[in-house]
Amino acid sequence: MARDIAIVAEDRLTQAVLQKCVQHALPRFRVVRSEVKHGRGNVQRELAAYSKLSQIMPVLVGVDLDGDECAPSLLANWLANAPLPGLLVRVAVREVESWVLADRRRTSAFLGAVPDDITKSPDDLGDPKRALLDLARARASAELKRDLIPRNFAQYPRIGPAYNLQMCKFVEDRWRPHVAQRRSDSLARAIRAMASIDPDAA
C-alpha cells in the first residue's frame, strides 16, 4: 500500500526535482501535498508547522544553499530545535540547477549543447543558474532562449517568461536523478536520505 509524503519547495523547479526524486528513491510513496513557498526565508519561517506535519507523514523540504558557507551548518541552524525523523530538509549546493546540470547528457541535449559544455562538478559552481542560462544563450534555439532568458540579461537573476515551465517540463519528462547523483554529491546525499525513510525498502 502506498504511503503518503509531503513536499515543500522554495521554488517551482525545486518542487519538480523533488517530485522526480521521490519517484526514483521512494516508489512506494505518493505525494499528497506539495507546496511552493517562493523563497527560502518563507520555508524557514514555517518550519515549525512542517515539523508538526512530519508526525503524521514524512515531509521532504528542499532549499538552495545560495550564499551560505555549507549545507551542514545551514541544517544545524534550521534543525536545532528538536529535529524530527519525519522532517527531511535537503540542500542543493548551491542551487537546484546544479542538480539538473548533473545529468549532463540530457541537460546538454535539451539546451542544444554537448555534455562537455557542462562541468563534471556542478556542485562547485558558484552560480549554477547563471551557468545554465549562459549555456542556453550560447547554444539553445531561438524559441528556447526566449523562454529561458530574460529579455534584458543585465537584469539577472531574473529569469525568462517561461523558465519554470520549460525547466519543470524537462525535469518531469527527461531528467534522471539516478544519473545526476553521480556528478552531484549534494543530490546523492539527498537521495540516500530519502530512501532511508522507507522502512520497507530492501
Protein backbone atom coordinates (compact mmCIF):
# COMPACT_ATOMS: atom_id res chain seq x y z
CA MET A 1 0.00 0.00 0.00
CA ALA A 2 1.30 3.46 -0.92
CA ARG A 3 2.50 5.71 1.88
CA ASP A 4 1.89 9.45 1.96
CA ILE A 5 4.59 12.11 1.77
CA ALA A 6 4.51 15.91 1.59
CA ILE A 7 6.87 18.14 -0.39
CA VAL A 8 7.83 21.71 0.47
CA ALA A 9 9.99 23.62 -2.00
CA GLU A 10 11.33 27.13 -2.16
CA ASP A 11 10.55 27.42 -5.89
CA ARG A 12 8.82 25.58 -8.72
CA LEU A 13 11.92 23.97 -10.18
CA THR A 14 12.87 22.55 -6.77
CA GLN A 15 9.34 21.18 -6.47
CA ALA A 16 9.66 19.38 -9.82
CA VAL A 17 13.08 17.99 -8.91
CA LEU A 18 11.90 16.72 -5.52
CA GLN A 19 8.87 15.05 -7.06
CA LYS A 20 11.10 13.28 -9.58
CA CYS A 21 13.45 12.20 -6.79
CA VAL A 22 10.55 10.78 -4.80
CA GLN A 23 9.51 8.73 -7.83
CA HIS A 24 13.06 7.37 -8.05
CA ALA A 25 14.01 6.91 -4.38
CA LEU A 26 10.59 6.30 -2.82
CA PRO A 27 8.47 4.38 -5.33
CA ARG A 28 6.21 3.14 -2.50
CA PHE A 29 5.24 6.72 -1.61
CA ARG A 30 2.73 9.10 -3.14
CA VAL A 31 2.96 12.88 -2.91
CA VAL A 32 -0.31 14.01 -1.35
CA ARG A 33 0.71 17.57 -0.55
CA SER A 34 3.14 19.78 -2.45
CA GLU A 35 3.83 23.44 -1.68
CA VAL A 36 5.98 26.11 -3.31
CA LYS A 37 6.94 28.82 -0.81
CA HIS A 38 8.58 31.33 -3.17
CA GLY A 39 11.77 31.87 -1.21
CA ARG A 40 13.97 30.12 1.32
CA GLY A 41 13.01 32.53 4.08
CA ASN A 42 9.36 31.56 3.73
CA VAL A 43 10.30 27.90 4.13
CA GLN A 44 12.31 28.60 7.25
CA ARG A 45 9.53 30.66 8.83
CA GLU A 46 7.08 27.75 8.53
CA LEU A 47 9.47 25.00 9.56
CA ALA A 48 7.72 24.52 12.91
CA ALA A 49 4.45 23.79 11.13
CA TYR A 50 6.16 21.27 8.88
CA SER A 51 7.69 19.65 11.95
CA LYS A 52 4.19 19.06 13.27
CA LEU A 53 3.04 17.68 9.93
CA SER A 54 6.01 15.30 9.89
CA GLN A 55 4.47 13.49 12.87
CA ILE A 56 1.64 12.45 10.52
CA MET A 57 3.61 11.83 7.33
CA PRO A 58 7.18 12.40 6.14
CA VAL A 59 7.85 15.93 4.91
CA LEU A 60 10.55 16.48 2.31
CA VAL A 61 11.82 20.07 2.26
CA GLY A 62 14.11 21.36 -0.48
CA VAL A 63 16.05 24.64 -0.46
CA ASP A 64 19.14 26.14 -2.10
CA LEU A 65 22.37 26.72 -0.23
CA ASP A 66 22.81 30.06 -2.02
CA GLY A 67 25.48 32.11 -0.25
CA ASP A 68 25.69 30.10 2.97
CA GLU A 69 29.02 28.54 3.79
CA CYS A 70 27.94 24.90 3.75
CA ALA A 71 24.87 22.69 3.96
CA PRO A 72 25.70 21.09 7.35
CA SER A 73 25.88 24.47 9.10
CA LEU A 74 22.61 25.60 7.49
CA LEU A 75 20.89 22.39 8.57
CA ALA A 76 22.32 22.61 12.07
CA ASN A 77 20.91 26.12 12.38
CA TRP A 78 17.48 25.25 10.98
CA LEU A 79 17.04 21.99 12.85
CA ALA A 80 18.49 23.00 16.21
CA ASN A 81 15.11 22.75 17.93
CA ALA A 82 14.50 19.01 18.26
CA PRO A 83 14.53 17.81 14.64
CA LEU A 84 12.06 15.02 13.94
CA PRO A 85 12.80 11.85 11.97
CA GLY A 86 9.94 12.53 9.57
CA LEU A 87 11.20 16.01 8.64
CA LEU A 88 13.78 15.71 5.88
CA VAL A 89 15.42 19.00 4.86
CA ARG A 90 17.77 18.74 1.89
CA VAL A 91 20.01 21.48 0.50
CA ALA A 92 21.05 21.86 -3.15
CA VAL A 93 24.63 23.09 -3.47
CA ARG A 94 24.46 25.87 -4.43
CA GLU A 95 21.17 25.89 -6.31
CA VAL A 96 18.83 23.21 -7.59
CA GLU A 97 20.11 23.96 -11.09
CA SER A 98 23.34 22.19 -10.11
CA TRP A 99 21.31 19.00 -9.63
CA VAL A 100 19.72 19.49 -13.04
CA LEU A 101 23.08 20.13 -14.72
CA ALA A 102 24.46 16.95 -13.16
CA ASP A 103 22.58 14.92 -15.77
CA ARG A 104 25.00 16.26 -18.35
CA ARG A 105 23.82 14.29 -21.36
CA ARG A 106 20.09 15.02 -21.06
CA THR A 107 20.53 18.67 -19.98
CA SER A 108 23.03 19.47 -22.71
CA ALA A 109 20.74 17.92 -25.33
CA PHE A 110 17.82 19.96 -24.01
CA LEU A 111 19.88 23.14 -24.34
CA GLY A 112 21.26 22.28 -27.78
CA ALA A 113 24.76 21.73 -26.41
CA VAL A 114 27.07 18.75 -25.85
CA PRO A 115 27.91 17.10 -22.50
CA ASP A 116 31.42 18.56 -22.43
CA ASP A 117 29.86 22.03 -22.33
CA ILE A 118 28.73 21.24 -18.77
CA THR A 119 31.13 20.92 -15.86
CA LYS A 120 31.62 17.47 -14.36
CA SER A 121 31.38 19.05 -10.88
CA PRO A 122 28.21 21.18 -10.81
CA ASP A 123 28.25 21.42 -7.01
CA ASP A 124 31.41 23.52 -7.37
CA LEU A 125 29.67 26.17 -9.45
CA GLY A 126 29.24 29.48 -7.67
CA ASP A 127 26.10 30.29 -9.66
CA PRO A 128 24.56 27.21 -11.31
CA LYS A 129 21.54 29.08 -12.66
CA ARG A 130 23.81 31.59 -14.38
CA ALA A 131 25.86 28.73 -15.83
CA LEU A 132 22.69 27.14 -17.20
CA LEU A 133 21.44 30.41 -18.68
CA ASP A 134 24.85 31.22 -20.18
CA LEU A 135 24.81 27.85 -21.91
CA ALA A 136 21.28 28.47 -23.15
CA ARG A 137 22.34 31.85 -24.54
CA ALA A 138 25.18 30.24 -26.43
CA ARG A 139 23.53 27.04 -27.66
CA ALA A 140 19.74 26.95 -27.36
CA SER A 141 17.26 27.52 -30.15
CA ALA A 142 15.78 30.98 -30.54
CA GLU A 143 12.46 29.78 -29.14
CA LEU A 144 14.03 28.22 -26.05
CA LYS A 145 16.16 31.31 -25.47
CA ARG A 146 13.03 33.45 -25.46
CA ASP A 147 11.51 31.20 -22.81
CA LEU A 148 14.52 30.78 -20.53
CA ILE A 149 16.42 34.06 -20.72
CA PRO A 150 15.15 37.45 -19.51
CA ARG A 151 14.79 39.98 -22.30
CA ASN A 152 17.38 42.18 -20.64
CA PHE A 153 20.04 39.82 -19.35
CA ALA A 154 21.55 42.64 -17.32
CA GLN A 155 18.56 42.17 -15.01
CA TYR A 156 19.79 38.70 -13.96
CA PRO A 157 18.92 36.88 -11.63
CA ARG A 158 15.54 37.49 -13.24
CA ILE A 159 14.54 34.61 -15.49
CA GLY A 160 12.73 34.35 -18.79
CA PRO A 161 8.94 34.31 -19.07
CA ALA A 162 8.67 30.52 -19.37
CA TYR A 163 11.79 29.45 -17.48
CA ASN A 164 9.89 27.49 -14.86
CA LEU A 165 7.54 25.96 -17.42
CA GLN A 166 10.36 24.75 -19.66
CA MET A 167 12.69 23.60 -16.88
CA CYS A 168 9.96 21.79 -14.94
CA LYS A 169 8.76 20.01 -18.07
CA PHE A 170 12.33 18.94 -18.82
CA VAL A 171 12.76 17.59 -15.29
CA GLU A 172 9.43 15.76 -15.37
CA ASP A 173 9.98 14.21 -18.81
CA ARG A 174 13.72 13.69 -19.24
CA TRP A 175 15.90 14.42 -16.20
CA ARG A 176 17.38 11.35 -14.48
CA PRO A 177 18.15 11.64 -10.75
CA HIS A 178 19.89 8.25 -10.69
CA VAL A 179 22.35 9.57 -13.30
CA ALA A 180 22.64 13.09 -11.91
CA GLN A 181 23.60 11.87 -8.43
CA ARG A 182 26.88 10.55 -9.85
CA ARG A 183 28.01 14.12 -10.51
CA SER A 184 26.39 15.92 -7.56
CA ASP A 185 27.33 14.87 -4.06
CA SER A 186 24.58 17.00 -2.52
CA LEU A 187 21.99 15.26 -4.70
CA ALA A 188 23.43 11.83 -3.89
CA ARG A 189 23.16 12.59 -0.16
CA ALA A 190 19.59 13.80 -0.63
CA ILE A 191 18.57 10.64 -2.46
CA ARG A 192 20.17 8.42 0.19
CA ALA A 193 18.35 10.35 2.90
CA MET A 194 15.05 9.99 1.07
CA ALA A 195 15.49 6.26 0.62
CA SER A 196 16.21 5.86 4.34
CA ILE A 197 12.68 6.89 5.32
CA ASP A 198 11.13 3.84 3.62
CA PRO A 199 11.04 1.12 6.28
CA ASP A 200 10.08 -1.48 3.67
CA ALA A 201 12.96 -0.79 1.31
CA ALA A 202 15.25 -3.70 0.63
